Amino acid sequence: MLFFICGSALRGQPDHANLGTARFVREAKTAPIYRLHSVNDQHPGIYEVADGGVAIAGEIYEMTDAQHAHLIATEPPDLYEAPIRLDDGTSVSAMIYPRELIEARGFRDISEYGGWAAYKSR
């Protein structure tokens, strides 16, 4: 399966080892219909919006069922798997954060950075 990574498991980020031997396919961006927030400055939270969205930078990985299960087991609380739309019109699985929790907890909107790695390198 293909999976979109846009946070702490990106190449060069601290949780990249959680991907194990999953095969890097390519860099990618989402369609510009998402917002990006910093969840306690530990990982991103993304969710879809009807307007005001941005394209979020990430990476596509090809995973076996076992690699996928390991990744899901190592994800932080409250994230859930859902399809996201890429800028080329295709959809792949990714981890999404509930918008209502982001708003209730006041996590900082970092959408202007366009991606987690850009935010972390600021």
PDB file of N, CA and C in Angstrom:
ATOM      1  N   MET A   1       0.834  -1.185   0.000  1.00  0.00           N
ATOM      2  CA  MET A   1       0.000   0.000   0.000  1.00  0.00           C
ATOM      3  C   MET A   1       0.872   1.239   0.000  1.00  0.00           C
ATOM      4  N   LEU A   2       0.303   2.356  -0.476  1.00  0.00           N
ATOM      5  CA  LEU A   2       0.992   3.635  -0.450  1.00  0.00           C
ATOM      6  C   LEU A   2       0.481   4.457   0.731  1.00  0.00           C
ATOM      7  N   PHE A   3       1.392   5.187   1.362  1.00  0.00           N
ATOM      8  CA  PHE A   3       1.040   5.969   2.543  1.00  0.00           C
ATOM      9  C   PHE A   3       1.746   7.311   2.473  1.00  0.00           C
ATOM     10  N   PHE A   4       1.019   8.387   2.783  1.00  0.00           N
ATOM     11  CA  PHE A   4       1.559   9.747   2.799  1.00  0.00           C
ATOM     12  C   PHE A   4       2.032  10.070   4.206  1.00  0.00           C
ATOM     13  N   ILE A   5       3.306  10.452   4.319  1.00  0.00           N
ATOM     14  CA  ILE A   5       3.914  10.831   5.594  1.00  0.00           C
ATOM     15  C   ILE A   5       4.174  12.332   5.546  1.00  0.00           C
ATOM     16  N   CYS A   6       3.758  13.045   6.583  1.00  0.00           N
ATOM     17  CA  CYS A   6       3.976  14.502   6.562  1.00  0.00           C
ATOM     18  C   CYS A   6       4.448  15.044   7.904  1.00  0.00           C
ATOM     19  N   GLY A   7       4.971  14.179   8.782  1.00  0.00           N
ATOM     20  CA  GLY A   7       5.349  14.660  10.109  1.00  0.00           C
ATOM     21  C   GLY A   7       6.676  14.145  10.601  1.00  0.00           C
ATOM     22  N   SER A   8       6.680  13.689  11.834  1.00  0.00           N
ATOM     23  CA  SER A   8       7.914  13.316  12.515  1.00  0.00           C
ATOM     24  C   SER A   8       8.552  12.042  11.971  1.00  0.00           C
ATOM     25  N   ALA A   9       7.887  11.352  11.024  1.00  0.00           N
ATOM     26  CA  ALA A   9       8.481  10.167  10.397  1.00  0.00           C
ATOM     27  C   ALA A   9       9.093  10.480   9.027  1.00  0.00           C
ATOM     28  N   LEU A  10       9.093  11.757   8.630  1.00  0.00           N
ATOM     29  CA  LEU A  10       9.747  12.145   7.384  1.00  0.00           C
ATOM     30  C   LEU A  10      11.240  11.854   7.449  1.00  0.00           C
ATOM     31  N   ARG A  11      11.877  11.746   6.295  1.00  0.00           N
ATOM     32  CA  ARG A  11      13.334  11.609   6.265  1.00  0.00           C
ATOM     33  C   ARG A  11      13.949  12.789   7.015  1.00  0.00           C
ATOM     34  N   GLY A  12      14.901  12.505   7.877  1.00  0.00           N
ATOM     35  CA  GLY A  12      15.573  13.543   8.639  1.00  0.00           C
ATOM     36  C   GLY A  12      14.855  13.947   9.915  1.00  0.00           C
ATOM     37  N   GLN A  13      13.706  13.374  10.181  1.00  0.00           N
ATOM     38  CA  GLN A  13      12.952  13.687  11.396  1.00  0.00           C
ATOM     39  C   GLN A  13      13.138  12.560  12.418  1.00  0.00           C
ATOM     40  N   PRO A  14      12.881  12.821  13.701  1.00  0.00           N
ATOM     41  CA  PRO A  14      13.239  11.866  14.759  1.00  0.00           C
ATOM     42  C   PRO A  14      12.525  10.516  14.717  1.00  0.00           C
ATOM     43  N   ASP A  15      11.343  10.433  14.128  1.00  0.00           N
ATOM     44  CA  ASP A  15      10.606   9.165  14.114  1.00  0.00           C
ATOM     45  C   ASP A  15      10.677   8.438  12.773  1.00  0.00           C
ATOM     46  N   HIS A  16      11.627   8.817  11.930  1.00  0.00           N
ATOM     47  CA  HIS A  16      11.737   8.171  10.611  1.00  0.00           C
ATOM     48  C   HIS A  16      11.931   6.659  10.736  1.00  0.00           C
ATOM     49  N   ALA A  17      12.603   6.216  11.793  1.00  0.00           N
ATOM     50  CA  ALA A  17      12.849   4.776  11.986  1.00  0.00           C
ATOM     51  C   ALA A  17      11.550   3.994  12.140  1.00  0.00           C
ATOM     52  N   ASN A  18      10.450   4.662  12.492  1.00  0.00           N
ATOM     53  CA  ASN A  18       9.157   3.963  12.605  1.00  0.00           C
ATOM     54  C   ASN A  18       8.695   3.394  11.274  1.00  0.00           C
ATOM     55  N   LEU A  19       9.265   3.882  10.172  1.00  0.00           N
ATOM     56  CA  LEU A  19       8.900   3.365   8.849  1.00  0.00           C
ATOM     57  C   LEU A  19       9.645   2.081   8.512  1.00  0.00           C
ATOM     58  N   GLY A  20      10.647   1.743   9.319  1.00  0.00           N
ATOM     59  CA  GLY A  20      11.406   0.518   9.069  1.00  0.00           C
ATOM     60  C   GLY A  20      11.996   0.525   7.678  1.00  0.00           C
ATOM     61  N   THR A  21      11.742  -0.533   6.939  1.00  0.00           N
ATOM     62  CA  THR A  21      12.285  -0.656   5.587  1.00  0.00           C
ATOM     63  C   THR A  21      11.251  -0.305   4.519  1.00  0.00           C
ATOM     64  N   ALA A  22      10.216   0.438   4.904  1.00  0.00           N
ATOM     65  CA  ALA A  22       9.244   0.882   3.899  1.00  0.00           C
ATOM     66  C   ALA A  22      10.000   1.626   2.800  1.00  0.00           C
ATOM     67  N   ARG A  23       9.567   1.439   1.569  1.00  0.00           N
ATOM     68  CA  ARG A  23      10.270   2.013   0.417  1.00  0.00           C
ATOM     69  C   ARG A  23       9.804   3.433   0.137  1.00  0.00           C
ATOM     70  N   PHE A  24      10.745   4.384   0.164  1.00  0.00           N
ATOM     71  CA  PHE A  24      10.461   5.757  -0.230  1.00  0.00           C
ATOM     72  C   PHE A  24      10.115   5.752  -1.718  1.00  0.00           C
ATOM     73  N   VAL A  25       8.978   6.345  -2.062  1.00  0.00           N
ATOM     74  CA  VAL A  25       8.554   6.400  -3.464  1.00  0.00           C
ATOM     75  C   VAL A  25       8.875   7.759  -4.068  1.00  0.00           C
ATOM     76  N   ARG A  26       8.422   8.833  -3.384  1.00  0.00           N
ATOM     77  CA  ARG A  26       8.654  10.171  -3.922  1.00  0.00           C
ATOM     78  C   ARG A  26       8.195  11.231  -2.922  1.00  0.00           C
ATOM     79  N   GLU A  27       8.663  12.433  -3.135  1.00  0.00           N
ATOM     80  CA  GLU A  27       8.122  13.573  -2.412  1.00  0.00           C
ATOM     81  C   GLU A  27       6.767  13.896  -3.029  1.00  0.00           C
ATOM     82  N   ALA A  28       5.876  14.474  -2.231  1.00  0.00           N
ATOM     83  CA  ALA A  28       4.531  14.777  -2.719  1.00  0.00           C
ATOM     84  C   ALA A  28       3.957  15.943  -1.923  1.00  0.00           C
ATOM     85  N   LYS A  29       2.881  16.500  -2.446  1.00  0.00           N
ATOM     86  CA  LYS A  29       2.119  17.527  -1.735  1.00  0.00           C
ATOM     87  C   LYS A  29       0.646  17.160  -1.807  1.00  0.00           C
ATOM     88  N   THR A  30      -0.065  17.567  -0.777  1.00  0.00           N
ATOM     89  CA  THR A  30      -1.510  17.369  -0.792  1.00  0.00           C
ATOM     90  C   THR A  30      -2.135  18.386  -1.737  1.00  0.00           C
ATOM     91  N   ALA A  31      -3.379  18.144  -2.086  1.00  0.00           N
ATOM     92  CA  ALA A  31      -4.160  19.190  -2.726  1.00  0.00           C
ATOM     93  C   ALA A  31      -4.255  20.337  -1.721  1.00  0.00           C
ATOM     94  N   PRO A  32      -4.480  21.574  -2.157  1.00  0.00           N
ATOM     95  CA  PRO A  32      -4.507  22.704  -1.222  1.00  0.00           C
ATOM     96  C   PRO A  32      -5.839  22.828  -0.478  1.00  0.00           C
ATOM     97  N   ILE A  33      -6.178  21.751   0.242  1.00  0.00           N
ATOM     98  CA  ILE A  33      -7.471  21.707   0.953  1.00  0.00           C
ATOM     99  C   ILE A  33      -7.302  21.288   2.413  1.00  0.00           C
ATOM    100  N   TYR A  34      -6.103  21.499   2.965  1.00  0.00           N
ATOM    101  CA  TYR A  34      -5.819  21.073   4.335  1.00  0.00           C
ATOM    102  C   TYR A  34      -5.239  22.226   5.145  1.00  0.00           C
ATOM    103  N   ARG A  35      -5.355  22.113   6.458  1.00  0.00           N
ATOM    104  CA  ARG A  35      -4.678  23.014   7.385  1.00  0.00           C
ATOM    105  C   ARG A  35      -3.715  22.163   8.201  1.00  0.00           C
ATOM    106  N   LEU A  36      -2.629  22.781   8.641  1.00  0.00           N
ATOM    107  CA  LEU A  36      -1.548  22.113   9.351  1.00  0.00           C
ATOM    108  C   LEU A  36      -1.353  22.797  10.701  1.00  0.00           C
ATOM    109  N   HIS A  37      -1.348  22.006  11.761  1.00  0.00           N
ATOM    110  CA  HIS A  37      -1.159  22.523  13.120  1.00  0.00           C
ATOM    111  C   HIS A  37      -0.046  21.758  13.816  1.00  0.00           C
ATOM    112  N   SER A  38       0.598  22.413  14.763  1.00  0.00           N
ATOM    113  CA  SER A  38       1.610  21.773  15.592  1.00  0.00           C
ATOM    114  C   SER A  38       0.933  21.239  16.851  1.00  0.00           C
ATOM    115  N   VAL A  39       0.993  19.934  17.035  1.00  0.00           N
ATOM    116  CA  VAL A  39       0.399  19.298  18.214  1.00  0.00           C
ATOM    117  C   VAL A  39       1.487  19.188  19.279  1.00  0.00           C
ATOM    118  N   ASN A  40       1.431  20.115  20.228  1.00  0.00           N
ATOM    119  CA  ASN A  40       2.417  20.179  21.313  1.00  0.00           C
ATOM    120  C   ASN A  40       3.856  20.212  20.806  1.00  0.00           C
ATOM    121  N   ASP A  41       4.057  20.722  19.600  1.00  0.00           N
ATOM    122  CA  ASP A  41       5.364  20.825  18.953  1.00  0.00           C
ATOM    123  C   ASP A  41       6.062  19.470  18.819  1.00  0.00           C
ATOM    124  N   GLN A  42       5.262  18.373  18.818  1.00  0.00           N
ATOM    125  CA  GLN A  42       5.824  17.026  18.692  1.00  0.00           C
ATOM    126  C   GLN A  42       5.511  16.381  17.350  1.00  0.00           C
ATOM    127  N   HIS A  43       4.371  16.703  16.775  1.00  0.00           N
ATOM    128  CA  HIS A  43       3.990  16.157  15.474  1.00  0.00           C
ATOM    129  C   HIS A  43       2.896  17.055  14.891  1.00  0.00           C
ATOM    130  N   PRO A  44       2.668  16.945  13.580  1.00  0.00           N
ATOM    131  CA  PRO A  44       1.631  17.777  12.983  1.00  0.00           C
ATOM    132  C   PRO A  44       0.252  17.155  13.136  1.00  0.00           C
ATOM    133  N   GLY A  45      -0.720  18.006  13.024  1.00  0.00           N
ATOM    134  CA  GLY A  45      -2.112  17.575  12.912  1.00  0.00           C
ATOM    135  C   GLY A  45      -2.676  18.231  11.663  1.00  0.00           C
ATOM    136  N   ILE A  46      -3.167  17.428  10.737  1.00  0.00           N
ATOM    137  CA  ILE A  46      -3.766  17.992   9.525  1.00  0.00           C
ATOM    138  C   ILE A  46      -5.225  17.584   9.450  1.00  0.00           C
ATOM    139  N   TYR A  47      -6.010  18.428   8.798  1.00  0.00           N
ATOM    140  CA  TYR A  47      -7.420  18.134   8.561  1.00  0.00           C
ATOM    141  C   TYR A  47      -7.862  18.896   7.322  1.00  0.00           C
ATOM    142  N   GLU A  48      -8.921  18.403   6.715  1.00  0.00           N
ATOM    143  CA  GLU A  48      -9.440  19.001   5.484  1.00  0.00           C
ATOM    144  C   GLU A  48     -10.355  20.175   5.812  1.00  0.00           C
ATOM    145  N   VAL A  49     -10.323  21.189   4.938  1.00  0.00           N
ATOM    146  CA  VAL A  49     -11.182  22.365   5.079  1.00  0.00           C
ATOM    147  C   VAL A  49     -11.881  22.654   3.750  1.00  0.00           C
ATOM    148  N   ALA A  50     -13.032  23.321   3.836  1.00  0.00           N
ATOM    149  CA  ALA A  50     -13.778  23.684   2.628  1.00  0.00           C
ATOM    150  C   ALA A  50     -13.136  24.862   1.905  1.00  0.00           C
ATOM    151  N   ASP A  51     -12.511  25.776   2.658  1.00  0.00           N
ATOM    152  CA  ASP A  51     -11.806  26.899   2.047  1.00  0.00           C
ATOM    153  C   ASP A  51     -10.663  27.323   2.967  1.00  0.00           C
ATOM    154  N   GLY A  52      -9.690  28.033   2.397  1.00  0.00           N
ATOM    155  CA  GLY A  52      -8.538  28.474   3.178  1.00  0.00           C
ATOM    156  C   GLY A  52      -7.484  27.413   3.375  1.00  0.00           C
ATOM    157  N   GLY A  53      -7.516  26.360   2.563  1.00  0.00           N
ATOM    158  CA  GLY A  53      -6.539  25.290   2.706  1.00  0.00           C
ATOM    159  C   GLY A  53      -5.229  25.583   2.010  1.00  0.00           C
ATOM    160  N   VAL A  54      -4.225  24.812   2.350  1.00  0.00           N
ATOM    161  CA  VAL A  54      -2.904  24.904   1.737  1.00  0.00           C
ATOM    162  C   VAL A  54      -2.472  23.504   1.302  1.00  0.00           C
ATOM    163  N   ALA A  55      -1.484  23.464   0.410  1.00  0.00           N
ATOM    164  CA  ALA A  55      -0.846  22.193   0.050  1.00  0.00           C
ATOM    165  C   ALA A  55       0.205  21.891   1.107  1.00  0.00           C
ATOM    166  N   ILE A  56       0.220  20.667   1.585  1.00  0.00           N
ATOM    167  CA  ILE A  56       1.160  20.258   2.638  1.00  0.00           C
ATOM    168  C   ILE A  56       2.189  19.302   2.045  1.00  0.00           C
ATOM    169  N   ALA A  57       3.460  19.620   2.261  1.00  0.00           N
ATOM    170  CA  ALA A  57       4.557  18.799   1.755  1.00  0.00           C
ATOM    171  C   ALA A  57       4.692  17.519   2.562  1.00  0.00           C
ATOM    172  N   GLY A  58       5.043  16.445   1.873  1.00  0.00           N
ATOM    173  CA  GLY A  58       5.269  15.172   2.530  1.00  0.00           C
ATOM    174  C   GLY A  58       5.986  14.200   1.622  1.00  0.00           C
ATOM    175  N   GLU A  59       5.909  12.937   1.994  1.00  0.00           N
ATOM    176  CA  GLU A  59       6.569  11.869   1.253  1.00  0.00           C
ATOM    177  C   GLU A  59       5.625  10.675   1.134  1.00  0.00           C
ATOM    178  N   ILE A  60       5.722   9.983   0.021  1.00  0.00           N
ATOM    179  CA  ILE A  60       4.943   8.768  -0.205  1.00  0.00           C
ATOM    180  C   ILE A  60       5.851   7.563   0.017  1.00  0.00           C
ATOM    181  N   TYR A  61       5.351   6.598   0.779  1.00  0.00           N
ATOM    182  CA  TYR A  61       6.066   5.349   1.032  1.00  0.00           C
ATOM    183  C   TYR A  61       5.202   4.174   0.626  1.00  0.00           C
ATOM    184  N   GLU A  62       5.857   3.143   0.128  1.00  0.00           N
ATOM    185  CA  GLU A  62       5.193   1.874  -0.153  1.00  0.00           C
ATOM    186  C   GLU A  62       5.467   0.962   1.035  1.00  0.00           C
ATOM    187  N   MET A  63       4.373   0.402   1.601  1.00  0.00           N
ATOM    188  CA  MET A  63       4.495  -0.403   2.817  1.00  0.00           C
ATOM    189  C   MET A  63       3.843  -1.760   2.654  1.00  0.00           C
ATOM    190  N   THR A  64       4.424  -2.731   3.333  1.00  0.00           N
ATOM    191  CA  THR A  64       3.774  -4.028   3.459  1.00  0.00           C
ATOM    192  C   THR A  64       2.694  -3.914   4.535  1.00  0.00           C
ATOM    193  N   ASP A  65       1.871  -4.925   4.660  1.00  0.00           N
ATOM    194  CA  ASP A  65       0.864  -4.925   5.723  1.00  0.00           C
ATOM    195  C   ASP A  65       1.519  -4.847   7.102  1.00  0.00           C
ATOM    196  N   ALA A  66       2.626  -5.548   7.283  1.00  0.00           N
ATOM    197  CA  ALA A  66       3.322  -5.539   8.575  1.00  0.00           C
ATOM    198  C   ALA A  66       3.922  -4.162   8.867  1.00  0.00           C
ATOM    199  N   GLN A  67       4.514  -3.525   7.873  1.00  0.00           N
ATOM    200  CA  GLN A  67       5.068  -2.183   8.067  1.00  0.00           C
ATOM    201  C   GLN A  67       3.964  -1.179   8.400  1.00  0.00           C
ATOM    202  N   HIS A  68       2.844  -1.317   7.709  1.00  0.00           N
ATOM    203  CA  HIS A  68       1.699  -0.438   7.959  1.00  0.00           C
ATOM    204  C   HIS A  68       1.196  -0.624   9.385  1.00  0.00           C
ATOM    205  N   ALA A  69       1.050  -1.858   9.824  1.00  0.00           N
ATOM    206  CA  ALA A  69       0.571  -2.141  11.181  1.00  0.00           C
ATOM    207  C   ALA A  69       1.530  -1.557  12.219  1.00  0.00           C
ATOM    208  N   HIS A  70       2.829  -1.683  11.979  1.00  0.00           N
ATOM    209  CA  HIS A  70       3.816  -1.113  12.910  1.00  0.00           C
ATOM    210  C   HIS A  70       3.696   0.404  12.958  1.00  0.00           C
ATOM    211  N   LEU A  71       3.581   1.038  11.806  1.00  0.00           N
ATOM    212  CA  LEU A  71       3.448   2.497  11.773  1.00  0.00           C
ATOM    213  C   LEU A  71       2.222   2.946  12.557  1.00  0.00           C
ATOM    214  N   ILE A  72       1.091   2.328  12.306  1.00  0.00           N
ATOM    215  CA  ILE A  72      -0.149   2.707  12.996  1.00  0.00           C
ATOM    216  C   ILE A  72       0.009   2.526  14.512  1.00  0.00           C
ATOM    217  N   ALA A  73       0.670   1.453  14.925  1.00  0.00           N
ATOM    218  CA  ALA A  73       0.859   1.181  16.353  1.00  0.00           C
ATOM    219  C   ALA A  73       1.768   2.204  17.030  1.00  0.00           C
ATOM    220  N   THR A  74       2.624   2.880  16.250  1.00  0.00           N
ATOM    221  CA  THR A  74       3.560   3.842  16.837  1.00  0.00           C
ATOM    222  C   THR A  74       3.073   5.288  16.722  1.00  0.00           C
ATOM    223  N   GLU A  75       1.901   5.499  16.137  1.00  0.00           N
ATOM    224  CA  GLU A  75       1.387   6.860  15.974  1.00  0.00           C
ATOM    225  C   GLU A  75       0.901   7.418  17.311  1.00  0.00           C
ATOM    226  N   PRO A  76       1.029   8.735  17.503  1.00  0.00           N
ATOM    227  CA  PRO A  76       0.554   9.365  18.739  1.00  0.00           C
ATOM    228  C   PRO A  76      -0.964   9.249  18.891  1.00  0.00           C
ATOM    229  N   PRO A  77      -1.472   9.473  20.091  1.00  0.00           N
ATOM    230  CA  PRO A  77      -2.906   9.401  20.347  1.00  0.00           C
ATOM    231  C   PRO A  77      -3.694  10.402  19.486  1.00  0.00           C
ATOM    232  N   ASP A  78      -4.935  10.066  19.219  1.00  0.00           N
ATOM    233  CA  ASP A  78      -5.931  10.897  18.543  1.00  0.00           C
ATOM    234  C   ASP A  78      -5.801  10.941  17.020  1.00  0.00           C
ATOM    235  N   LEU A  79      -4.665  10.540  16.463  1.00  0.00           N
ATOM    236  CA  LEU A  79      -4.551  10.472  15.011  1.00  0.00           C
ATOM    237  C   LEU A  79      -5.357   9.284  14.498  1.00  0.00           C
ATOM    238  N   TYR A  80      -5.926   9.419  13.313  1.00  0.00           N
ATOM    239  CA  TYR A  80      -6.635   8.304  12.699  1.00  0.00           C
ATOM    240  C   TYR A  80      -6.299   8.257  11.220  1.00  0.00           C
ATOM    241  N   GLU A  81      -6.363   7.080  10.655  1.00  0.00           N
ATOM    242  CA  GLU A  81      -6.039   6.890   9.249  1.00  0.00           C
ATOM    243  C   GLU A  81      -7.239   7.245   8.381  1.00  0.00           C
ATOM    244  N   ALA A  82      -6.972   7.968   7.304  1.00  0.00           N
ATOM    245  CA  ALA A  82      -8.014   8.345   6.350  1.00  0.00           C
ATOM    246  C   ALA A  82      -7.352   8.655   5.009  1.00  0.00           C
ATOM    247  N   PRO A  83      -8.104   8.589   3.927  1.00  0.00           N
ATOM    248  CA  PRO A  83      -7.522   8.975   2.639  1.00  0.00           C
ATOM    249  C   PRO A  83      -7.370  10.495   2.552  1.00  0.00           C
ATOM    250  N   ILE A  84      -6.297  10.916   1.910  1.00  0.00           N
ATOM    251  CA  ILE A  84      -6.103  12.334   1.616  1.00  0.00           C
ATOM    252  C   ILE A  84      -5.894  12.477   0.113  1.00  0.00           C
ATOM    253  N   ARG A  85      -6.197  13.670  -0.374  1.00  0.00           N
ATOM    254  CA  ARG A  85      -6.055  13.923  -1.806  1.00  0.00           C
ATOM    255  C   ARG A  85      -4.733  14.638  -2.057  1.00  0.00           C
ATOM    256  N   LEU A  86      -4.002  14.131  -3.027  1.00  0.00           N
ATOM    257  CA  LEU A  86      -2.740  14.747  -3.416  1.00  0.00           C
ATOM    258  C   LEU A  86      -2.967  15.771  -4.519  1.00  0.00           C
ATOM    259  N   ASP A  87      -1.950  16.594  -4.766  1.00  0.00           N
ATOM    260  CA  ASP A  87      -2.089  17.650  -5.768  1.00  0.00           C
ATOM    261  C   ASP A  87      -2.196  17.120  -7.193  1.00  0.00           C
ATOM    262  N   ASP A  88      -1.886  15.838  -7.406  1.00  0.00           N
ATOM    263  CA  ASP A  88      -2.049  15.248  -8.738  1.00  0.00           C
ATOM    264  C   ASP A  88      -3.423  14.602  -8.918  1.00  0.00           C
ATOM    265  N   GLY A  89      -4.299  14.740  -7.920  1.00  0.00           N
ATOM    266  CA  GLY A  89      -5.657  14.208  -8.008  1.00  0.00           C
ATOM    267  C   GLY A  89      -5.824  12.811  -7.458  1.00  0.00           C
ATOM    268  N   THR A  90      -4.735  12.127  -7.124  1.00  0.00           N
ATOM    269  CA  THR A  90      -4.835  10.785  -6.559  1.00  0.00           C
ATOM    270  C   THR A  90      -5.080  10.874  -5.057  1.00  0.00           C
ATOM    271  N   SER A  91      -5.481   9.756  -4.478  1.00  0.00           N
ATOM    272  CA  SER A  91      -5.679   9.677  -3.031  1.00  0.00           C
ATOM    273  C   SER A  91      -4.834   8.549  -2.467  1.00  0.00           C
ATOM    274  N   VAL A  92      -4.299   8.781  -1.277  1.00  0.00           N
ATOM    275  CA  VAL A  92      -3.539   7.771  -0.542  1.00  0.00           C
ATOM    276  C   VAL A  92      -3.917   7.882   0.924  1.00  0.00           C
ATOM    277  N   SER A  93      -3.540   6.896   1.697  1.00  0.00           N
ATOM    278  CA  SER A  93      -3.800   6.934   3.135  1.00  0.00           C
ATOM    279  C   SER A  93      -2.825   7.870   3.829  1.00  0.00           C
ATOM    280  N   ALA A  94      -3.283   8.444   4.934  1.00  0.00           N
ATOM    281  CA  ALA A  94      -2.454   9.330   5.756  1.00  0.00           C
ATOM    282  C   ALA A  94      -3.042   9.354   7.154  1.00  0.00           C
ATOM    283  N   MET A  95      -2.348   9.994   8.056  1.00  0.00           N
ATOM    284  CA  MET A  95      -2.855  10.171   9.411  1.00  0.00           C
ATOM    285  C   MET A  95      -3.429  11.580   9.536  1.00  0.00           C
ATOM    286  N   ILE A  96      -4.657  11.658  10.008  1.00  0.00           N
ATOM    287  CA  ILE A  96      -5.409  12.902  10.149  1.00  0.00           C
ATOM    288  C   ILE A  96      -5.635  13.148  11.644  1.00  0.00           C
ATOM    289  N   TYR A  97      -5.743  14.410  12.021  1.00  0.00           N
ATOM    290  CA  TYR A  97      -6.023  14.768  13.407  1.00  0.00           C
ATOM    291  C   TYR A  97      -7.399  15.410  13.455  1.00  0.00           C
ATOM    292  N   PRO A  98      -8.239  15.055  14.386  1.00  0.00           N
ATOM    293  CA  PRO A  98      -9.590  15.627  14.438  1.00  0.00           C
ATOM    294  C   PRO A  98      -9.572  17.152  14.607  1.00  0.00           C
ATOM    295  N   ARG A  99     -10.197  17.839  13.687  1.00  0.00           N
ATOM    296  CA  ARG A  99     -10.240  19.297  13.729  1.00  0.00           C
ATOM    297  C   ARG A  99     -10.816  19.803  15.046  1.00  0.00           C
ATOM    298  N   GLU A 100     -11.853  19.140  15.533  1.00  0.00           N
ATOM    299  CA  GLU A 100     -12.483  19.597  16.771  1.00  0.00           C
ATOM    300  C   GLU A 100     -11.522  19.546  17.955  1.00  0.00           C
ATOM    301  N   LEU A 101     -10.606  18.572  17.977  1.00  0.00           N
ATOM    302  CA  LEU A 101      -9.608  18.512  19.051  1.00  0.00           C
ATOM    303  C   LEU A 101      -8.555  19.611  18.884  1.00  0.00           C
ATOM    304  N   ILE A 102      -8.144  19.862  17.652  1.00  0.00           N
ATOM    305  CA  ILE A 102      -7.183  20.938  17.401  1.00  0.00           C
ATOM    306  C   ILE A 102      -7.756  22.266  17.878  1.00  0.00           C
ATOM    307  N   GLU A 103      -8.995  22.528  17.521  1.00  0.00           N
ATOM    308  CA  GLU A 103      -9.622  23.789  17.922  1.00  0.00           C
ATOM    309  C   GLU A 103      -9.839  23.855  19.434  1.00  0.00           C
ATOM    310  N   ALA A 104     -10.295  22.760  20.032  1.00  0.00           N
ATOM    311  CA  ALA A 104     -10.552  22.746  21.474  1.00  0.00           C
ATOM    312  C   ALA A 104      -9.269  22.911  22.281  1.00  0.00           C
ATOM    313  N   ARG A 105      -8.177  22.368  21.781  1.00  0.00           N
ATOM    314  CA  ARG A 105      -6.900  22.409  22.516  1.00  0.00           C
ATOM    315  C   ARG A 105      -6.024  23.592  22.120  1.00  0.00           C
ATOM    316  N   GLY A 106      -6.446  24.326  21.109  1.00  0.00           N
ATOM    317  CA  GLY A 106      -5.723  25.531  20.713  1.00  0.00           C
ATOM    318  C   GLY A 106      -4.346  25.295  20.114  1.00  0.00           C
ATOM    319  N   PHE A 107      -4.164  24.187  19.411  1.00  0.00           N
ATOM    320  CA  PHE A 107      -2.870  23.914  18.789  1.00  0.00           C
ATOM    321  C   PHE A 107      -2.577  24.943  17.701  1.00  0.00           C
ATOM    322  N   ARG A 108      -1.346  25.389  17.663  1.00  0.00           N
ATOM    323  CA  ARG A 108      -0.919  26.462  16.767  1.00  0.00           C
ATOM    324  C   ARG A 108      -1.062  26.071  15.298  1.00  0.00           C
ATOM    325  N   ASP A 109      -1.648  26.961  14.504  1.00  0.00           N
ATOM    326  CA  ASP A 109      -1.760  26.778  13.057  1.00  0.00           C
ATOM    327  C   ASP A 109      -0.416  27.145  12.441  1.00  0.00           C
ATOM    328  N   ILE A 110       0.189  26.189  11.766  1.00  0.00           N
ATOM    329  CA  ILE A 110       1.489  26.407  11.127  1.00  0.00           C
ATOM    330  C   ILE A 110       1.387  26.220   9.617  1.00  0.00           C
ATOM    331  N   SER A 111       0.202  26.377   9.084  1.00  0.00           N
ATOM    332  CA  SER A 111      -0.034  26.148   7.661  1.00  0.00           C
ATOM    333  C   SER A 111       0.863  26.992   6.769  1.00  0.00           C
ATOM    334  N   GLU A 112       1.235  28.194   7.233  1.00  0.00           N
ATOM    335  CA  GLU A 112       2.048  29.077   6.395  1.00  0.00           C
ATOM    336  C   GLU A 112       3.412  28.486   6.066  1.00  0.00           C
ATOM    337  N   TYR A 113       3.868  27.492   6.828  1.00  0.00           N
ATOM    338  CA  TYR A 113       5.150  26.848   6.551  1.00  0.00           C
ATOM    339  C   TYR A 113       5.054  25.823   5.425  1.00  0.00           C
ATOM    340  N   GLY A 114       3.855  25.332   5.145  1.00  0.00           N
ATOM    341  CA  GLY A 114       3.670  24.389   4.052  1.00  0.00           C
ATOM    342  C   GLY A 114       4.110  22.969   4.336  1.00  0.00           C
ATOM    343  N   GLY A 115       4.609  22.715   5.527  1.00  0.00           N
ATOM    344  CA  GLY A 115       5.032  21.364   5.869  1.00  0.00           C
ATOM    345  C   GLY A 115       5.716  21.315   7.221  1.00  0.00           C
ATOM    346  N   TRP A 116       5.729  20.129   7.804  1.00  0.00           N
ATOM    347  CA  TRP A 116       6.310  19.928   9.129  1.00  0.00           C
ATOM    348  C   TRP A 116       7.816  20.174   9.131  1.00  0.00           C
ATOM    349  N   ALA A 117       8.533  19.643   8.138  1.00  0.00           N
ATOM    350  CA  ALA A 117       9.985  19.804   8.102  1.00  0.00           C
ATOM    351  C   ALA A 117      10.358  21.278   7.992  1.00  0.00           C
ATOM    352  N   ALA A 118       9.638  22.039   7.181  1.00  0.00           N
ATOM    353  CA  ALA A 118       9.910  23.479   7.045  1.00  0.00           C
ATOM    354  C   ALA A 118       9.636  24.193   8.374  1.00  0.00           C
ATOM    355  N   TYR A 119       8.577  23.799   9.063  1.00  0.00           N
ATOM    356  CA  TYR A 119       8.269  24.393  10.358  1.00  0.00           C
ATOM    357  C   TYR A 119       9.376  24.079  11.365  1.00  0.00           C
ATOM    358  N   LYS A 120       9.796  22.821  11.424  1.00  0.00           N
ATOM    359  CA  LYS A 120      10.810  22.420  12.410  1.00  0.00           C
ATOM    360  C   LYS A 120      12.169  23.057  12.131  1.00  0.00           C
ATOM    361  N   SER A 121      12.461  23.376  10.879  1.00  0.00           N
ATOM    362  CA  SER A 121      13.772  23.956  10.548  1.00  0.00           C
ATOM    363  C   SER A 121      13.798  25.476  10.673  1.00  0.00           C
ATOM    364  N   ARG A 122      12.688  26.086  11.050  1.00  0.00           N
ATOM    365  CA  ARG A 122      12.583  27.549  11.108  1.00  0.00           C
ATOM    366  C   ARG A 122      13.576  28.189  12.050  1.00  0.00           C
TER     367      ARG A 122
END
